[in-house]
Amino acid sequence: MKVADVARQLGEPEYKMSRCITGALGFRNFNQMTNVYRLEEAKRKLADPALDHLPILTIALDCGFGSIGPFNRFFKAETGITPQTFPTINSIRCAPSGRCGPRSVR
């Protein structure tokens, strides 16, 4: 998927899409934006006990990453931990919205 594909589907010029992505949405570029959304979905799946049987590679591919290397690098860069350790971290939770983050202290 490319920014031009999305722009075409929305009927907007590519430069406007890029400006929106880097300006209003605050991403470095289109690839970072898509990877952030892919990562949120991967984190949701990794935290789901019902999906424990799935290999990390399957989850990465299902979320749109092309291979395990870029997935692992982006995951570590964004979260500070590896996908392998993510499900075992007790301080992480995923809300029904799919947004994952630190568990609130009660």
N, C-alpha and C. Protein backbone atom coordinates (compact mmCIF):
# COMPACT_ATOMS: atom_id res chain seq x y z
N MET A 1 0.84 -1.17 0.00
CA MET A 1 0.00 0.00 0.00
C MET A 1 0.89 1.24 0.00
N LYS A 2 0.49 2.20 -0.76
CA LYS A 2 1.23 3.46 -0.88
C LYS A 2 0.28 4.63 -0.66
N VAL A 3 0.86 5.76 -0.31
CA VAL A 3 0.05 6.96 -0.10
C VAL A 3 -0.74 7.30 -1.36
N ALA A 4 -0.17 7.05 -2.52
CA ALA A 4 -0.86 7.32 -3.79
C ALA A 4 -2.12 6.46 -3.93
N ASP A 5 -2.05 5.22 -3.44
CA ASP A 5 -3.22 4.33 -3.51
C ASP A 5 -4.36 4.86 -2.65
N VAL A 6 -4.03 5.30 -1.45
CA VAL A 6 -5.05 5.84 -0.54
C VAL A 6 -5.61 7.14 -1.11
N ALA A 7 -4.74 7.99 -1.61
CA ALA A 7 -5.19 9.26 -2.19
C ALA A 7 -6.15 9.00 -3.36
N ARG A 8 -5.80 8.04 -4.18
CA ARG A 8 -6.66 7.71 -5.32
C ARG A 8 -8.02 7.21 -4.84
N GLN A 9 -8.04 6.34 -3.84
CA GLN A 9 -9.30 5.81 -3.32
C GLN A 9 -10.18 6.91 -2.70
N LEU A 10 -9.53 7.89 -2.11
CA LEU A 10 -10.27 8.99 -1.48
C LEU A 10 -10.57 10.13 -2.44
N GLY A 11 -9.98 10.08 -3.63
CA GLY A 11 -10.20 11.13 -4.61
C GLY A 11 -9.52 12.43 -4.24
N GLU A 12 -8.40 12.34 -3.53
CA GLU A 12 -7.65 13.52 -3.11
C GLU A 12 -6.26 13.49 -3.74
N PRO A 13 -5.66 14.65 -3.94
CA PRO A 13 -4.29 14.68 -4.45
C PRO A 13 -3.32 14.07 -3.44
N GLU A 14 -2.30 13.42 -3.95
CA GLU A 14 -1.32 12.77 -3.09
C GLU A 14 -0.64 13.75 -2.14
N TYR A 15 -0.34 14.97 -2.63
CA TYR A 15 0.36 15.93 -1.78
C TYR A 15 -0.49 16.32 -0.58
N LYS A 16 -1.83 16.36 -0.75
CA LYS A 16 -2.70 16.70 0.38
C LYS A 16 -2.71 15.57 1.41
N MET A 17 -2.69 14.35 0.93
CA MET A 17 -2.64 13.20 1.84
C MET A 17 -1.33 13.24 2.64
N SER A 18 -0.23 13.48 1.95
CA SER A 18 1.07 13.53 2.62
C SER A 18 1.11 14.65 3.64
N ARG A 19 0.57 15.79 3.29
CA ARG A 19 0.56 16.94 4.19
C ARG A 19 -0.28 16.63 5.44
N CYS A 20 -1.39 15.97 5.26
CA CYS A 20 -2.24 15.59 6.38
C CYS A 20 -1.53 14.59 7.29
N ILE A 21 -0.87 13.60 6.69
CA ILE A 21 -0.17 12.56 7.45
C ILE A 21 0.95 13.15 8.28
N THR A 22 1.74 14.03 7.66
CA THR A 22 2.90 14.58 8.37
C THR A 22 2.54 15.81 9.21
N GLY A 23 1.45 16.46 8.89
CA GLY A 23 1.05 17.65 9.63
C GLY A 23 0.06 17.34 10.72
N ALA A 24 -1.21 17.26 10.33
CA ALA A 24 -2.29 17.10 11.31
C ALA A 24 -2.18 15.81 12.11
N LEU A 25 -1.78 14.73 11.47
CA LEU A 25 -1.70 13.45 12.17
C LEU A 25 -0.37 13.26 12.90
N GLY A 26 0.66 14.00 12.51
CA GLY A 26 1.92 14.00 13.23
C GLY A 26 2.87 12.83 12.98
N PHE A 27 2.69 12.10 11.90
CA PHE A 27 3.59 11.00 11.57
C PHE A 27 4.74 11.52 10.73
N ARG A 28 5.88 10.79 10.76
CA ARG A 28 7.02 11.18 9.93
C ARG A 28 6.69 11.01 8.45
N ASN A 29 5.99 9.94 8.13
CA ASN A 29 5.63 9.64 6.74
C ASN A 29 4.53 8.59 6.72
N PHE A 30 4.09 8.23 5.53
CA PHE A 30 3.00 7.28 5.36
C PHE A 30 3.37 5.90 5.91
N ASN A 31 4.61 5.46 5.67
CA ASN A 31 5.03 4.15 6.15
C ASN A 31 4.98 4.07 7.67
N GLN A 32 5.42 5.11 8.33
CA GLN A 32 5.37 5.10 9.79
C GLN A 32 3.92 5.04 10.26
N MET A 33 3.05 5.79 9.62
CA MET A 33 1.64 5.79 10.01
C MET A 33 1.04 4.39 9.88
N THR A 34 1.26 3.75 8.74
CA THR A 34 0.68 2.42 8.56
C THR A 34 1.29 1.42 9.55
N ASN A 35 2.59 1.54 9.81
CA ASN A 35 3.22 0.62 10.74
C ASN A 35 2.72 0.82 12.17
N VAL A 36 2.41 2.05 12.55
CA VAL A 36 1.86 2.29 13.88
C VAL A 36 0.52 1.59 14.03
N TYR A 37 -0.34 1.69 13.03
CA TYR A 37 -1.64 1.03 13.10
C TYR A 37 -1.49 -0.49 13.04
N ARG A 38 -0.56 -0.97 12.24
CA ARG A 38 -0.28 -2.41 12.20
C ARG A 38 0.22 -2.89 13.56
N LEU A 39 1.10 -2.11 14.18
CA LEU A 39 1.66 -2.47 15.47
C LEU A 39 0.58 -2.53 16.54
N GLU A 40 -0.34 -1.59 16.54
CA GLU A 40 -1.43 -1.61 17.52
C GLU A 40 -2.25 -2.89 17.39
N GLU A 41 -2.51 -3.30 16.18
CA GLU A 41 -3.25 -4.55 15.95
C GLU A 41 -2.43 -5.75 16.40
N ALA A 42 -1.14 -5.75 16.12
CA ALA A 42 -0.27 -6.84 16.54
C ALA A 42 -0.21 -6.93 18.07
N LYS A 43 -0.11 -5.80 18.73
CA LYS A 43 -0.08 -5.80 20.20
C LYS A 43 -1.38 -6.35 20.77
N ARG A 44 -2.49 -5.98 20.16
CA ARG A 44 -3.78 -6.49 20.61
C ARG A 44 -3.82 -8.01 20.48
N LYS A 45 -3.35 -8.51 19.34
CA LYS A 45 -3.35 -9.96 19.11
C LYS A 45 -2.38 -10.68 20.02
N LEU A 46 -1.20 -10.11 20.25
CA LEU A 46 -0.21 -10.73 21.12
C LEU A 46 -0.70 -10.80 22.57
N ALA A 47 -1.53 -9.86 22.97
CA ALA A 47 -2.04 -9.83 24.34
C ALA A 47 -3.30 -10.67 24.52
N ASP A 48 -3.85 -11.18 23.44
CA ASP A 48 -5.09 -11.96 23.49
C ASP A 48 -4.77 -13.43 23.81
N PRO A 49 -5.16 -13.92 24.98
CA PRO A 49 -4.88 -15.31 25.34
C PRO A 49 -5.47 -16.32 24.36
N ALA A 50 -6.54 -15.97 23.69
CA ALA A 50 -7.16 -16.88 22.73
C ALA A 50 -6.28 -17.09 21.50
N LEU A 51 -5.30 -16.21 21.29
CA LEU A 51 -4.42 -16.32 20.12
C LEU A 51 -3.02 -16.78 20.49
N ASP A 52 -2.85 -17.29 21.71
CA ASP A 52 -1.53 -17.76 22.17
C ASP A 52 -0.93 -18.83 21.26
N HIS A 53 -1.77 -19.58 20.57
CA HIS A 53 -1.29 -20.67 19.72
C HIS A 53 -0.67 -20.17 18.41
N LEU A 54 -0.90 -18.91 18.07
CA LEU A 54 -0.38 -18.38 16.80
C LEU A 54 1.08 -17.98 16.93
N PRO A 55 1.92 -18.36 15.95
CA PRO A 55 3.30 -17.88 15.95
C PRO A 55 3.35 -16.37 15.73
N ILE A 56 4.38 -15.74 16.24
CA ILE A 56 4.53 -14.29 16.08
C ILE A 56 4.60 -13.93 14.60
N LEU A 57 5.25 -14.76 13.80
CA LEU A 57 5.32 -14.50 12.36
C LEU A 57 3.93 -14.41 11.75
N THR A 58 3.05 -15.30 12.12
CA THR A 58 1.68 -15.28 11.59
C THR A 58 0.97 -13.99 11.97
N ILE A 59 1.13 -13.58 13.21
CA ILE A 59 0.51 -12.33 13.66
C ILE A 59 1.08 -11.14 12.88
N ALA A 60 2.40 -11.12 12.73
CA ALA A 60 3.04 -10.02 11.98
C ALA A 60 2.52 -9.95 10.55
N LEU A 61 2.45 -11.09 9.89
CA LEU A 61 1.98 -11.12 8.50
C LEU A 61 0.50 -10.76 8.42
N ASP A 62 -0.31 -11.25 9.35
CA ASP A 62 -1.74 -10.94 9.37
C ASP A 62 -1.99 -9.44 9.57
N CYS A 63 -1.06 -8.78 10.26
CA CYS A 63 -1.22 -7.35 10.52
C CYS A 63 -0.65 -6.47 9.41
N GLY A 64 -0.09 -7.10 8.39
CA GLY A 64 0.36 -6.33 7.23
C GLY A 64 1.85 -6.14 7.09
N PHE A 65 2.64 -6.66 8.03
CA PHE A 65 4.09 -6.57 7.88
C PHE A 65 4.53 -7.61 6.86
N GLY A 66 5.51 -7.28 6.04
CA GLY A 66 5.94 -8.16 4.96
C GLY A 66 6.82 -9.31 5.40
N SER A 67 7.50 -9.14 6.53
CA SER A 67 8.38 -10.20 7.04
C SER A 67 8.64 -9.93 8.52
N ILE A 68 9.27 -10.89 9.16
CA ILE A 68 9.49 -10.80 10.60
C ILE A 68 10.54 -9.76 10.99
N GLY A 69 11.56 -9.55 10.15
CA GLY A 69 12.62 -8.60 10.48
C GLY A 69 12.12 -7.18 10.70
N PRO A 70 11.44 -6.59 9.72
CA PRO A 70 10.92 -5.24 9.91
C PRO A 70 9.91 -5.16 11.06
N PHE A 71 9.13 -6.20 11.24
CA PHE A 71 8.18 -6.23 12.36
C PHE A 71 8.92 -6.17 13.68
N ASN A 72 9.92 -7.03 13.87
CA ASN A 72 10.68 -7.06 15.12
C ASN A 72 11.37 -5.72 15.39
N ARG A 73 11.98 -5.14 14.35
CA ARG A 73 12.68 -3.86 14.53
C ARG A 73 11.71 -2.73 14.91
N PHE A 74 10.59 -2.65 14.21
CA PHE A 74 9.63 -1.59 14.50
C PHE A 74 9.01 -1.79 15.88
N PHE A 75 8.68 -3.03 16.21
CA PHE A 75 8.10 -3.34 17.52
C PHE A 75 9.04 -2.88 18.63
N LYS A 76 10.30 -3.26 18.53
CA LYS A 76 11.29 -2.91 19.56
C LYS A 76 11.51 -1.40 19.62
N ALA A 77 11.57 -0.75 18.46
CA ALA A 77 11.79 0.70 18.42
C ALA A 77 10.62 1.46 19.06
N GLU A 78 9.41 0.98 18.87
CA GLU A 78 8.23 1.67 19.38
C GLU A 78 7.89 1.33 20.83
N THR A 79 8.18 0.10 21.26
CA THR A 79 7.76 -0.34 22.58
C THR A 79 8.91 -0.49 23.57
N GLY A 80 10.13 -0.66 23.05
CA GLY A 80 11.28 -0.89 23.91
C GLY A 80 11.46 -2.34 24.32
N ILE A 81 10.56 -3.21 23.87
CA ILE A 81 10.66 -4.64 24.17
C ILE A 81 10.44 -5.42 22.87
N THR A 82 10.75 -6.69 22.91
CA THR A 82 10.56 -7.53 21.72
C THR A 82 9.15 -8.11 21.71
N PRO A 83 8.68 -8.51 20.54
CA PRO A 83 7.35 -9.14 20.47
C PRO A 83 7.29 -10.42 21.31
N GLN A 84 8.43 -11.11 21.44
CA GLN A 84 8.46 -12.35 22.21
C GLN A 84 8.18 -12.10 23.69
N THR A 85 8.65 -10.97 24.22
CA THR A 85 8.43 -10.69 25.64
C THR A 85 7.13 -9.94 25.90
N PHE A 86 6.53 -9.37 24.90
CA PHE A 86 5.33 -8.55 25.07
C PHE A 86 4.20 -9.28 25.81
N PRO A 87 3.85 -10.50 25.42
CA PRO A 87 2.72 -11.15 26.11
C PRO A 87 2.99 -11.46 27.58
N THR A 88 4.24 -11.53 27.97
CA THR A 88 4.57 -11.89 29.36
C THR A 88 4.71 -10.69 30.28
N ILE A 89 4.66 -9.50 29.74
CA ILE A 89 4.79 -8.30 30.57
C ILE A 89 3.46 -8.07 31.29
N ASN A 90 3.49 -8.14 32.61
CA ASN A 90 2.26 -7.99 33.38
C ASN A 90 1.73 -6.57 33.41
N SER A 91 2.56 -5.61 33.08
CA SER A 91 2.13 -4.21 33.17
C SER A 91 1.49 -3.71 31.89
N ILE A 92 1.20 -4.61 30.96
CA ILE A 92 0.60 -4.19 29.69
C ILE A 92 -0.83 -4.72 29.62
N ARG A 93 -1.72 -3.89 29.15
CA ARG A 93 -3.09 -4.32 28.92
C ARG A 93 -3.56 -3.74 27.59
N CYS A 94 -4.55 -4.37 27.01
CA CYS A 94 -5.16 -3.84 25.79
C CYS A 94 -6.63 -3.60 26.07
N ALA A 95 -7.06 -2.39 25.81
CA ALA A 95 -8.46 -2.02 25.99
C ALA A 95 -9.29 -2.59 24.85
N PRO A 96 -10.61 -2.68 25.03
CA PRO A 96 -11.47 -3.17 23.95
C PRO A 96 -11.31 -2.38 22.65
N SER A 97 -10.87 -1.13 22.75
CA SER A 97 -10.67 -0.32 21.56
C SER A 97 -9.47 -0.79 20.74
N GLY A 98 -8.63 -1.68 21.35
CA GLY A 98 -7.44 -2.15 20.67
C GLY A 98 -6.19 -1.37 21.04
N ARG A 99 -6.36 -0.26 21.76
CA ARG A 99 -5.21 0.55 22.19
C ARG A 99 -4.54 -0.15 23.36
N CYS A 100 -3.23 -0.30 23.28
CA CYS A 100 -2.47 -1.00 24.32
C CYS A 100 -1.59 -0.02 25.04
N GLY A 101 -1.42 -0.25 26.32
CA GLY A 101 -0.56 0.63 27.08
C GLY A 101 -0.36 0.14 28.50
N PRO A 102 0.29 0.94 29.31
CA PRO A 102 0.54 0.52 30.70
C PRO A 102 -0.75 0.31 31.46
N ARG A 103 -0.72 -0.67 32.32
CA ARG A 103 -1.89 -0.96 33.16
C ARG A 103 -2.00 0.13 34.21
N SER A 104 -3.22 0.59 34.45
CA SER A 104 -3.39 1.62 35.47
C SER A 104 -3.30 0.98 36.85
N VAL A 105 -2.74 1.72 37.77
CA VAL A 105 -2.58 1.23 39.12
C VAL A 105 -3.83 1.59 39.91
N ARG A 106 -4.39 0.62 40.66
CA ARG A 106 -5.60 0.87 41.45
C ARG A 106 -5.33 0.68 42.89
